[in-house]
N, C-alpha and C. Protein backbone atom coordinates (compact mmCIF):
# COMPACT_ATOMS: atom_id res chain seq x y z
N UNK A 1 -64.87 27.48 -93.83
CA UNK A 1 -64.67 25.67 -93.01
C UNK A 1 -64.57 26.18 -91.72
N UNK A 2 -65.46 25.21 -90.60
CA UNK A 2 -65.54 25.83 -89.66
C UNK A 2 -64.57 24.84 -88.93
N UNK A 3 -64.00 24.73 -87.57
CA UNK A 3 -62.80 24.08 -87.27
C UNK A 3 -63.95 23.56 -85.69
N UNK A 4 -64.38 22.30 -86.07
CA UNK A 4 -64.80 21.40 -84.75
C UNK A 4 -63.66 20.90 -83.67
N UNK A 5 -64.01 21.28 -82.37
CA UNK A 5 -62.65 20.55 -81.29
C UNK A 5 -62.64 19.02 -81.72
N UNK A 6 -63.90 18.67 -82.50
CA UNK A 6 -64.04 17.13 -82.54
C UNK A 6 -63.48 16.36 -83.77
N UNK A 7 -63.85 17.69 -84.52
CA UNK A 7 -63.22 16.99 -86.20
C UNK A 7 -61.75 17.41 -86.51
N UNK A 8 -60.94 18.01 -85.55
CA UNK A 8 -59.83 18.40 -85.51
C UNK A 8 -59.24 16.71 -85.13
N UNK A 9 -58.26 16.48 -85.96
CA UNK A 9 -57.16 15.26 -86.00
C UNK A 9 -56.32 15.74 -84.50
N UNK A 10 -56.74 14.68 -83.92
CA UNK A 10 -55.65 15.37 -82.56
C UNK A 10 -54.66 14.17 -82.79
N UNK A 11 -53.00 14.08 -81.79
CA UNK A 11 -52.54 13.22 -82.05
C UNK A 11 -53.03 12.21 -80.56
N UNK A 12 -52.83 10.97 -81.20
CA UNK A 12 -52.74 10.21 -79.89
C UNK A 12 -51.78 10.36 -78.71
N UNK A 13 -51.83 10.30 -77.09
CA UNK A 13 -51.63 10.37 -76.65
C UNK A 13 -51.10 9.25 -76.29
N UNK A 14 -49.79 8.75 -75.71
CA UNK A 14 -49.09 7.11 -75.71
C UNK A 14 -49.31 6.80 -74.13
N UNK A 15 -49.39 8.28 -73.39
CA UNK A 15 -49.53 7.54 -71.83
C UNK A 15 -48.28 7.29 -71.03
N UNK A 16 -47.22 7.63 -71.58
CA UNK A 16 -46.11 7.29 -70.81
C UNK A 16 -45.64 8.52 -69.86
N UNK A 17 -46.28 9.70 -70.03
CA UNK A 17 -45.83 10.62 -69.22
C UNK A 17 -46.22 10.30 -67.80
N UNK A 18 -47.29 9.34 -67.35
CA UNK A 18 -47.36 9.12 -65.92
C UNK A 18 -46.51 7.60 -65.98
N UNK A 19 -46.51 7.05 -66.72
CA UNK A 19 -45.06 5.66 -66.68
C UNK A 19 -44.11 6.33 -65.99
N UNK A 20 -43.40 7.51 -66.72
CA UNK A 20 -42.45 8.17 -66.52
C UNK A 20 -42.34 8.89 -65.07
N UNK A 21 -43.30 9.47 -64.49
CA UNK A 21 -43.88 10.23 -63.57
C UNK A 21 -43.45 9.14 -62.27
N UNK A 22 -44.00 8.02 -62.48
CA UNK A 22 -44.32 6.99 -61.54
C UNK A 22 -42.91 6.12 -61.62
N UNK A 23 -41.87 5.85 -62.45
CA UNK A 23 -41.11 5.13 -62.28
C UNK A 23 -39.83 6.45 -61.53
N UNK A 24 -40.20 7.70 -61.83
CA UNK A 24 -39.56 8.68 -61.41
C UNK A 24 -39.53 9.18 -60.46
N UNK A 25 -40.92 8.34 -59.54
CA UNK A 25 -40.87 8.59 -57.62
C UNK A 25 -40.58 7.28 -57.28
N UNK A 26 -40.58 6.26 -58.11
CA UNK A 26 -40.08 4.70 -57.63
C UNK A 26 -38.48 4.60 -57.72
N UNK A 27 -38.12 5.35 -58.52
CA UNK A 27 -36.79 5.62 -58.24
C UNK A 27 -36.17 6.36 -57.19
N UNK A 28 -37.10 7.72 -56.77
CA UNK A 28 -36.28 8.79 -55.40
C UNK A 28 -36.89 7.81 -54.39
N UNK A 29 -37.86 7.13 -54.49
CA UNK A 29 -37.90 6.06 -52.73
C UNK A 29 -37.56 5.51 -52.64
N UNK A 30 -37.01 4.33 -53.58
CA UNK A 30 -36.10 3.24 -53.35
C UNK A 30 -35.06 4.00 -53.47
N UNK A 31 -34.08 5.04 -54.12
CA UNK A 31 -32.80 5.49 -53.56
C UNK A 31 -32.64 5.78 -52.52
N UNK A 32 -33.76 6.87 -51.88
CA UNK A 32 -33.42 7.44 -50.83
C UNK A 32 -33.52 6.35 -49.73
N UNK A 33 -33.55 5.43 -50.11
CA UNK A 33 -33.66 4.41 -48.69
C UNK A 33 -32.73 4.45 -48.61
N UNK A 34 -31.38 3.66 -49.42
CA UNK A 34 -29.68 4.30 -49.48
C UNK A 34 -29.55 5.22 -47.96
N UNK A 35 -30.13 6.26 -48.91
CA UNK A 35 -29.31 7.85 -48.04
C UNK A 35 -30.20 8.09 -46.34
N UNK A 36 -31.19 7.46 -46.37
CA UNK A 36 -31.89 7.33 -45.10
C UNK A 36 -30.88 6.15 -43.89
N UNK A 37 -31.13 4.97 -44.79
CA UNK A 37 -30.34 4.00 -44.06
C UNK A 37 -28.74 4.20 -43.11
N UNK A 38 -27.89 4.74 -44.17
CA UNK A 38 -26.93 5.23 -44.28
C UNK A 38 -26.58 6.88 -43.33
N UNK A 39 -27.80 7.82 -42.92
CA UNK A 39 -27.84 8.07 -42.37
C UNK A 39 -28.25 7.61 -40.39
N UNK A 40 -29.07 6.84 -40.47
CA UNK A 40 -29.62 6.08 -39.78
C UNK A 40 -28.46 4.82 -38.70
N UNK A 41 -27.28 4.46 -39.53
CA UNK A 41 -26.19 3.69 -39.14
C UNK A 41 -25.03 4.70 -38.61
N UNK A 42 -25.46 6.15 -38.59
CA UNK A 42 -24.59 6.73 -37.97
C UNK A 42 -24.66 7.11 -36.61
N UNK A 43 -26.23 6.86 -36.38
CA UNK A 43 -27.16 7.12 -34.86
C UNK A 43 -27.12 5.89 -34.20
N UNK A 44 -27.29 4.63 -34.95
CA UNK A 44 -28.31 3.45 -34.41
C UNK A 44 -27.30 1.92 -34.72
N UNK A 45 -27.18 1.16 -34.37
CA UNK A 45 -26.98 -0.09 -34.86
C UNK A 45 -27.74 -0.97 -35.82
N UNK A 46 -26.70 -1.53 -36.94
CA UNK A 46 -27.86 -1.89 -38.27
C UNK A 46 -28.91 -2.90 -37.62
N UNK A 47 -28.81 -3.68 -36.27
CA UNK A 47 -29.72 -4.97 -35.91
C UNK A 47 -31.20 -3.98 -35.02
N UNK A 48 -30.62 -2.51 -35.09
CA UNK A 48 -31.91 -1.43 -34.56
C UNK A 48 -32.69 -1.11 -35.88
N UNK A 49 -31.88 -0.52 -36.93
CA UNK A 49 -32.50 -0.62 -38.17
C UNK A 49 -32.84 -1.61 -38.66
N UNK A 50 -32.85 -2.71 -38.64
CA UNK A 50 -33.27 -3.88 -39.21
C UNK A 50 -34.90 -3.87 -38.22
N UNK A 51 -34.85 -3.67 -37.09
CA UNK A 51 -36.15 -4.06 -36.03
C UNK A 51 -37.15 -2.88 -36.50
N UNK A 52 -36.68 -1.56 -36.90
CA UNK A 52 -37.58 -0.72 -36.83
C UNK A 52 -38.11 -0.60 -38.44
N UNK A 53 -37.25 -1.23 -39.04
CA UNK A 53 -38.18 -1.54 -40.35
C UNK A 53 -38.80 -2.45 -40.48
N UNK A 54 -38.68 -3.63 -40.04
CA UNK A 54 -39.41 -4.45 -39.67
C UNK A 54 -41.22 -4.29 -38.90
N UNK A 55 -41.15 -3.18 -38.22
CA UNK A 55 -41.92 -3.30 -37.12
C UNK A 55 -42.36 -2.03 -37.89
N UNK A 56 -41.99 -1.37 -38.82
CA UNK A 56 -43.26 -0.36 -39.41
C UNK A 56 -43.64 -0.33 -40.31
N UNK A 57 -43.10 -1.67 -41.05
CA UNK A 57 -43.51 -2.27 -42.55
C UNK A 57 -44.74 -3.23 -41.99
N UNK A 58 -44.37 -4.29 -40.49
CA UNK A 58 -45.64 -5.01 -40.07
C UNK A 58 -46.81 -4.29 -39.59
N UNK A 59 -46.43 -3.22 -39.04
CA UNK A 59 -47.74 -2.50 -38.46
C UNK A 59 -49.33 -2.36 -39.39
N UNK A 60 -48.49 -1.51 -40.76
CA UNK A 60 -49.82 -1.17 -41.48
C UNK A 60 -50.28 -2.57 -41.91
N UNK A 61 -49.67 -3.25 -42.16
CA UNK A 61 -49.94 -4.61 -42.69
C UNK A 61 -50.96 -5.54 -41.81
N UNK A 62 -50.57 -5.32 -40.76
CA UNK A 62 -51.67 -5.94 -39.59
C UNK A 62 -52.85 -5.22 -39.35
N UNK A 63 -53.13 -3.63 -39.48
CA UNK A 63 -53.88 -2.61 -39.29
C UNK A 63 -55.00 -3.08 -40.64
N UNK A 64 -54.31 -3.34 -41.66
CA UNK A 64 -55.23 -3.96 -43.33
C UNK A 64 -55.83 -5.18 -42.76
N UNK A 65 -54.64 -5.92 -42.78
CA UNK A 65 -55.39 -7.22 -42.58
C UNK A 65 -56.76 -7.43 -41.11
N UNK A 66 -56.21 -6.95 -40.54
CA UNK A 66 -57.62 -6.86 -38.97
C UNK A 66 -58.51 -6.06 -39.90
N UNK A 67 -58.31 -5.02 -40.64
CA UNK A 67 -59.61 -3.94 -40.75
C UNK A 67 -60.24 -5.04 -41.92
N UNK A 68 -59.96 -5.65 -42.80
CA UNK A 68 -60.25 -6.41 -43.92
C UNK A 68 -60.90 -7.70 -43.82
N UNK A 69 -60.71 -7.79 -42.29
CA UNK A 69 -60.49 -9.58 -41.69
C UNK A 69 -60.28 -10.90 -42.49
N UNK A 70 -59.06 -10.40 -42.85
CA UNK A 70 -58.51 -11.35 -43.74
C UNK A 70 -57.81 -12.41 -43.03
N UNK A 71 -57.56 -12.47 -41.74
CA UNK A 71 -56.97 -13.51 -40.75
C UNK A 71 -57.62 -14.14 -40.13
N UNK A 72 -57.41 -15.18 -39.92
CA UNK A 72 -58.19 -16.21 -39.63
C UNK A 72 -57.46 -17.09 -38.39
N UNK A 73 -57.64 -17.59 -37.58
CA UNK A 73 -56.82 -18.57 -36.58
C UNK A 73 -56.44 -20.07 -37.39
N UNK A 74 -57.08 -20.43 -38.62
CA UNK A 74 -56.39 -21.38 -39.44
C UNK A 74 -55.16 -20.94 -40.21
N UNK A 75 -55.11 -19.71 -40.01
CA UNK A 75 -54.00 -19.52 -40.67
C UNK A 75 -52.37 -19.28 -40.01
N UNK A 76 -52.90 -19.73 -38.78
CA UNK A 76 -51.89 -20.10 -37.76
C UNK A 76 -50.99 -21.29 -38.16
N UNK A 77 -51.28 -22.37 -38.81
CA UNK A 77 -50.88 -23.81 -39.16
C UNK A 77 -49.69 -23.36 -40.25
N UNK A 78 -49.88 -21.89 -40.86
CA UNK A 78 -48.70 -21.77 -41.44
C UNK A 78 -47.62 -20.82 -41.14
N UNK A 79 -47.58 -20.47 -39.65
CA UNK A 79 -46.72 -19.64 -39.16
C UNK A 79 -45.34 -20.00 -39.49
N UNK A 80 -44.78 -21.33 -39.21
CA UNK A 80 -43.72 -21.70 -39.19
C UNK A 80 -42.95 -21.31 -40.49
N UNK A 81 -44.10 -21.64 -41.85
CA UNK A 81 -43.40 -21.36 -42.88
C UNK A 81 -43.08 -19.41 -42.86
N UNK A 82 -44.11 -18.73 -42.88
CA UNK A 82 -43.79 -17.60 -42.51
C UNK A 82 -42.62 -16.96 -41.65
N UNK A 83 -42.20 -17.27 -40.55
CA UNK A 83 -41.63 -16.96 -39.61
C UNK A 83 -40.22 -17.37 -40.38
N UNK A 84 -39.76 -18.52 -41.19
CA UNK A 84 -38.60 -18.64 -42.23
C UNK A 84 -38.32 -17.90 -42.82
N UNK A 85 -39.74 -17.31 -43.71
CA UNK A 85 -39.57 -16.49 -44.54
C UNK A 85 -39.38 -15.27 -44.46
N UNK A 86 -39.80 -14.77 -42.81
CA UNK A 86 -39.13 -13.25 -42.80
C UNK A 86 -38.04 -13.27 -42.13
N UNK A 87 -37.62 -14.30 -41.65
CA UNK A 87 -36.01 -14.12 -41.14
C UNK A 87 -35.19 -14.90 -42.57
N UNK A 88 -35.34 -15.04 -43.20
CA UNK A 88 -34.46 -15.19 -44.90
C UNK A 88 -34.40 -13.87 -45.59
N UNK A 89 -35.92 -13.80 -45.74
CA UNK A 89 -36.38 -12.65 -46.89
C UNK A 89 -36.08 -11.33 -46.39
N UNK A 90 -36.71 -11.31 -45.07
CA UNK A 90 -36.89 -9.87 -44.75
C UNK A 90 -35.13 -9.39 -43.90
N UNK A 91 -35.20 -10.29 -42.19
CA UNK A 91 -34.11 -9.68 -41.22
C UNK A 91 -33.09 -9.88 -41.47
N UNK A 92 -32.46 -10.98 -42.42
CA UNK A 92 -31.15 -11.27 -43.25
C UNK A 92 -30.58 -10.31 -44.11
N UNK A 93 -31.70 -10.27 -45.16
CA UNK A 93 -31.74 -9.13 -45.96
C UNK A 93 -31.31 -7.89 -45.48
N UNK A 94 -31.98 -6.95 -44.37
CA UNK A 94 -32.09 -6.13 -43.95
C UNK A 94 -30.89 -5.78 -43.37
N UNK A 95 -30.58 -6.68 -42.51
CA UNK A 95 -29.19 -6.88 -42.00
C UNK A 95 -28.04 -6.42 -42.67
N UNK A 96 -27.89 -7.18 -43.02
CA UNK A 96 -26.77 -7.30 -43.98
C UNK A 96 -26.80 -5.98 -45.14
N UNK A 97 -27.82 -5.46 -45.57
CA UNK A 97 -27.64 -4.03 -46.15
C UNK A 97 -27.34 -3.30 -45.02
N UNK A 98 -28.10 -3.42 -44.07
CA UNK A 98 -27.76 -1.91 -42.83
C UNK A 98 -26.43 -2.03 -42.97
N UNK A 99 -25.50 -3.61 -42.64
CA UNK A 99 -24.33 -3.16 -42.62
C UNK A 99 -23.60 -2.88 -43.39
N UNK A 100 -23.69 -3.22 -45.19
CA UNK A 100 -23.07 -2.94 -45.89
C UNK A 100 -23.04 -1.32 -46.00
N UNK A 101 -24.23 -0.70 -45.64
CA UNK A 101 -24.35 0.69 -46.24
C UNK A 101 -23.89 1.38 -45.04
N UNK A 102 -23.83 1.00 -43.85
CA UNK A 102 -22.77 1.65 -42.44
C UNK A 102 -21.27 1.38 -43.23
N UNK A 103 -20.94 0.78 -43.99
CA UNK A 103 -19.76 0.64 -44.31
C UNK A 103 -19.12 1.41 -46.01
N UNK A 104 -20.36 1.41 -46.82
CA UNK A 104 -20.17 1.86 -47.74
C UNK A 104 -20.64 3.48 -48.26
N UNK A 105 -20.10 3.38 -49.48
CA UNK A 105 -20.85 5.01 -49.92
C UNK A 105 -22.30 3.90 -50.15
N UNK A 106 -23.81 5.35 -49.97
CA UNK A 106 -24.89 4.62 -50.27
C UNK A 106 -25.19 4.32 -51.86
N UNK A 107 -24.25 5.12 -52.74
CA UNK A 107 -24.44 4.51 -53.81
C UNK A 107 -24.06 2.61 -54.46
N UNK A 108 -22.89 3.24 -53.56
CA UNK A 108 -22.71 1.58 -53.88
C UNK A 108 -22.86 0.31 -53.26
N UNK A 109 -24.09 0.91 -51.87
CA UNK A 109 -24.65 -0.19 -51.63
C UNK A 109 -25.83 -0.51 -52.06
N UNK A 110 -26.74 0.72 -53.08
CA UNK A 110 -27.61 0.47 -54.20
C UNK A 110 -27.36 -0.05 -55.12
N UNK A 111 -26.18 -0.29 -55.57
CA UNK A 111 -25.51 -1.22 -56.92
C UNK A 111 -25.72 -2.02 -56.52
N UNK A 112 -25.02 -2.54 -55.08
CA UNK A 112 -24.61 -4.19 -54.66
C UNK A 112 -26.21 -4.41 -54.72
N UNK A 113 -27.22 -3.81 -54.16
CA UNK A 113 -28.83 -4.41 -53.63
C UNK A 113 -29.26 -4.49 -54.78
N UNK A 114 -29.07 -4.16 -56.23
CA UNK A 114 -29.38 -4.03 -57.31
C UNK A 114 -28.61 -5.53 -57.98
N UNK A 115 -27.98 -6.08 -57.38
CA UNK A 115 -27.01 -7.22 -58.17
C UNK A 115 -27.71 -8.34 -57.77
N UNK A 116 -29.23 -8.30 -56.15
CA UNK A 116 -29.80 -9.46 -55.80
C UNK A 116 -30.08 -10.00 -57.09
N UNK A 117 -31.03 -9.43 -58.09
CA UNK A 117 -31.66 -10.21 -58.94
C UNK A 117 -30.67 -11.07 -59.71
N UNK A 118 -29.47 -11.24 -59.63
CA UNK A 118 -28.54 -11.30 -61.00
C UNK A 118 -28.40 -13.01 -59.78
N UNK A 119 -28.27 -13.20 -59.01
CA UNK A 119 -27.77 -14.07 -57.63
C UNK A 119 -29.14 -14.67 -57.53
N UNK A 120 -30.11 -14.11 -57.18
CA UNK A 120 -31.86 -15.09 -57.62
C UNK A 120 -31.77 -16.13 -59.09
N UNK A 121 -31.00 -15.47 -59.95
CA UNK A 121 -31.49 -16.12 -61.21
C UNK A 121 -30.86 -17.28 -60.88
N UNK A 122 -29.39 -16.57 -60.51
CA UNK A 122 -28.36 -18.00 -60.26
C UNK A 122 -28.59 -19.07 -59.18
N UNK A 123 -29.26 -18.38 -58.55
CA UNK A 123 -29.66 -19.83 -57.59
C UNK A 123 -30.84 -20.89 -58.15
N UNK A 124 -32.02 -19.90 -58.33
CA UNK A 124 -32.92 -20.39 -59.34
C UNK A 124 -32.62 -21.38 -60.14
N UNK A 125 -31.88 -20.94 -60.81
CA UNK A 125 -30.68 -21.93 -62.18
C UNK A 125 -30.65 -23.38 -61.88
N UNK A 126 -29.82 -23.15 -60.65
CA UNK A 126 -29.32 -24.12 -60.03
C UNK A 126 -30.44 -24.95 -59.41
N UNK A 127 -31.02 -24.57 -58.54
CA UNK A 127 -32.22 -25.23 -58.09
C UNK A 127 -33.55 -25.78 -58.84
N UNK A 128 -34.07 -24.82 -59.31
CA UNK A 128 -35.62 -25.00 -60.37
C UNK A 128 -34.92 -25.76 -61.92
N UNK A 129 -34.93 -26.81 -61.66
CA UNK A 129 -34.65 -27.69 -62.96
C UNK A 129 -35.34 -27.06 -64.24
N UNK A 130 -36.69 -26.95 -63.70
CA UNK A 130 -38.08 -26.68 -64.97
C UNK A 130 -37.47 -25.11 -65.19
N UNK A 131 -36.80 -24.46 -64.79
CA UNK A 131 -36.58 -22.82 -65.68
C UNK A 131 -35.80 -23.21 -66.69
N UNK A 132 -36.48 -22.65 -67.58
CA UNK A 132 -35.96 -23.23 -69.14
C UNK A 132 -34.30 -21.71 -69.37
N UNK A 133 -33.60 -22.43 -69.94
CA UNK A 133 -32.17 -21.52 -69.94
C UNK A 133 -32.22 -21.50 -71.22
N UNK A 134 -32.06 -20.42 -71.52
CA UNK A 134 -31.74 -19.69 -73.43
C UNK A 134 -31.20 -18.35 -72.99
N UNK A 135 -30.56 -18.35 -74.48
CA UNK A 135 -29.72 -16.92 -74.62
C UNK A 135 -30.44 -15.92 -74.10
N UNK A 136 -31.53 -15.51 -73.92
CA UNK A 136 -32.02 -14.28 -73.72
C UNK A 136 -31.82 -14.09 -71.83
N UNK A 137 -31.63 -15.42 -70.98
CA UNK A 137 -31.61 -15.16 -69.95
C UNK A 137 -30.32 -15.09 -69.15
N UNK A 138 -29.42 -16.19 -70.06
CA UNK A 138 -27.81 -15.92 -69.69
C UNK A 138 -27.66 -14.45 -69.91
N UNK A 139 -27.97 -14.07 -71.22
CA UNK A 139 -27.75 -12.84 -71.71
C UNK A 139 -27.74 -11.28 -70.60
N UNK A 140 -28.92 -11.53 -70.39
CA UNK A 140 -29.67 -10.77 -69.32
C UNK A 140 -28.75 -11.00 -68.21
N UNK A 141 -28.35 -12.13 -68.02
CA UNK A 141 -27.74 -12.10 -66.48
C UNK A 141 -26.18 -11.85 -66.66
N UNK A 142 -25.55 -12.01 -67.97
CA UNK A 142 -24.44 -11.82 -68.25
C UNK A 142 -24.25 -10.04 -68.40
N UNK A 143 -24.94 -9.61 -68.93
CA UNK A 143 -24.73 -8.15 -68.70
C UNK A 143 -25.38 -7.56 -67.65
N UNK A 144 -25.92 -7.64 -66.79
CA UNK A 144 -26.27 -7.71 -65.14
C UNK A 144 -25.06 -7.91 -64.02
N UNK A 145 -24.78 -8.82 -64.40
CA UNK A 145 -23.33 -8.68 -63.80
C UNK A 145 -21.97 -8.08 -64.60
N UNK A 146 -22.17 -7.70 -65.49
CA UNK A 146 -20.84 -6.82 -66.20
C UNK A 146 -21.53 -5.23 -65.87
N UNK A 147 -22.55 -4.82 -65.74
CA UNK A 147 -22.84 -3.74 -64.71
C UNK A 147 -22.87 -3.28 -63.44
N UNK A 148 -22.78 -4.68 -62.85
CA UNK A 148 -22.20 -4.40 -60.92
C UNK A 148 -20.84 -4.46 -61.43
N UNK A 149 -20.17 -4.90 -62.17
CA UNK A 149 -18.83 -5.28 -62.53
C UNK A 149 -18.03 -3.96 -62.56
N UNK A 150 -18.48 -3.11 -64.00
CA UNK A 150 -18.68 -2.07 -63.77
C UNK A 150 -18.48 -0.62 -63.11
N UNK A 151 -19.38 -0.52 -62.24
CA UNK A 151 -20.33 0.37 -61.15
C UNK A 151 -19.09 -0.36 -59.99
N UNK A 152 -18.36 -1.52 -59.60
CA UNK A 152 -18.06 -1.81 -58.80
C UNK A 152 -16.40 -1.63 -58.43
N UNK A 153 -15.63 -1.79 -60.09
CA UNK A 153 -14.24 -1.47 -60.58
C UNK A 153 -13.40 -2.11 -59.22
N UNK A 154 -13.51 -3.39 -59.53
CA UNK A 154 -12.72 -4.03 -58.32
C UNK A 154 -11.32 -3.87 -58.85
N UNK A 155 -10.83 -4.10 -60.18
CA UNK A 155 -9.40 -3.16 -60.41
C UNK A 155 -9.01 -2.41 -60.22
N UNK A 156 -9.33 -1.22 -59.33
CA UNK A 156 -9.01 -0.16 -59.08
C UNK A 156 -8.61 -0.20 -57.72
N UNK A 157 -8.83 -1.00 -57.07
CA UNK A 157 -8.79 -1.14 -55.64
C UNK A 157 -7.45 -2.24 -54.75
N UNK A 158 -6.61 -1.87 -54.21
CA UNK A 158 -5.23 -2.53 -54.32
C UNK A 158 -5.56 -4.01 -53.34
N UNK A 159 -5.72 -4.82 -54.03
CA UNK A 159 -6.37 -5.45 -53.14
C UNK A 159 -5.43 -6.08 -52.00
N UNK A 160 -4.26 -5.95 -52.43
CA UNK A 160 -3.06 -6.47 -51.38
C UNK A 160 -2.78 -5.80 -49.88
N UNK A 161 -3.41 -4.90 -49.57
CA UNK A 161 -3.53 -3.75 -48.40
C UNK A 161 -4.88 -3.87 -47.99
N UNK A 162 -5.60 -4.96 -48.63
CA UNK A 162 -7.23 -4.39 -47.87
C UNK A 162 -6.70 -5.87 -46.40
N UNK A 163 -7.59 -5.27 -45.52
CA UNK A 163 -7.79 -5.94 -44.31
C UNK A 163 -9.34 -6.85 -44.33
N UNK A 164 -9.22 -8.08 -44.64
CA UNK A 164 -10.46 -8.70 -44.59
C UNK A 164 -11.24 -8.70 -43.68
N UNK A 165 -10.68 -9.21 -42.62
CA UNK A 165 -11.54 -9.10 -40.94
C UNK A 165 -11.50 -7.98 -41.35
N UNK A 166 -11.27 -7.04 -41.23
CA UNK A 166 -11.87 -5.64 -40.72
C UNK A 166 -13.15 -5.36 -41.82
N UNK A 167 -12.54 -5.33 -43.04
CA UNK A 167 -13.45 -5.32 -44.17
C UNK A 167 -15.25 -5.91 -44.10
N UNK A 168 -15.20 -7.65 -43.99
CA UNK A 168 -15.84 -7.93 -43.53
C UNK A 168 -16.56 -7.82 -41.95
N UNK A 169 -16.33 -7.27 -41.27
CA UNK A 169 -17.07 -7.02 -40.07
C UNK A 169 -16.56 -8.25 -39.21
N UNK A 170 -15.88 -9.12 -39.08
CA UNK A 170 -15.97 -10.35 -38.36
C UNK A 170 -15.58 -9.36 -36.78
N UNK A 171 -17.20 -10.33 -35.85
CA UNK A 171 -16.72 -9.59 -34.40
C UNK A 171 -15.91 -9.32 -33.81
N UNK A 172 -14.86 -10.32 -34.00
CA UNK A 172 -13.74 -9.91 -33.06
C UNK A 172 -13.05 -8.58 -33.82
N UNK A 173 -12.72 -8.60 -35.17
CA UNK A 173 -12.45 -7.08 -34.81
C UNK A 173 -13.34 -6.18 -35.12
N UNK A 174 -14.41 -6.28 -35.18
CA UNK A 174 -15.45 -5.07 -35.05
C UNK A 174 -15.10 -3.99 -34.53
N UNK A 175 -15.09 -2.45 -35.08
CA UNK A 175 -15.56 -1.38 -34.43
C UNK A 175 -17.03 -0.68 -33.92
N UNK A 176 -16.90 -0.19 -33.22
CA UNK A 176 -18.55 -0.19 -33.21
C UNK A 176 -18.78 1.61 -33.90
N UNK A 177 -19.72 2.17 -34.42
CA UNK A 177 -19.83 3.49 -35.26
C UNK A 177 -19.20 4.33 -33.92
N UNK A 178 -19.92 4.22 -32.80
CA UNK A 178 -19.01 5.23 -31.35
C UNK A 178 -17.93 5.66 -31.28
N UNK A 179 -17.13 4.08 -31.29
CA UNK A 179 -16.06 4.29 -31.24
C UNK A 179 -15.31 5.07 -32.22
N UNK A 180 -16.00 5.00 -33.13
CA UNK A 180 -14.99 5.46 -34.93
C UNK A 180 -14.84 7.08 -34.46
N UNK A 181 -15.80 7.65 -33.70
CA UNK A 181 -16.39 9.04 -33.85
C UNK A 181 -17.21 9.75 -34.55
N UNK A 182 -18.25 8.20 -35.61
CA UNK A 182 -19.47 8.73 -36.28
C UNK A 182 -20.54 9.71 -35.71
């Protein structure tokens, strides 16, 4: 009885090895963002972090858009929409993220950043009436909120001793990282 490489039964591959590798790399890149922001916050202001992130995100996109000739003068009529979107979806988010990372552990900042989809769903639920509400969407939102709550553990903190003005970093009570010796 001869064995042939083609006649032998082979176990089908599921292809999940590549998916797990991609997922691990995505987690590494996404997670390292919080550490790099924490390191940068010790040296430069959150506004400078935002400026650098936006510039280094915009420049490659501009190069690709110019190289592929996908931009035209007609697109300028939508510039005001892009301006509002860039401020709300990028600059404001990155600034809040950099401020929070300067104050919190990078792991907590990452966890809070993971809560963004929960609040996006709640906002969409309030604004978009055509979005269906069912047990799956409610269950996912509640489960996500419980996960954030479990990681944040607000019951372990002494709320009475918290200095809310300092914790929220209101400008009059704000101390710069250089003054604090970071």
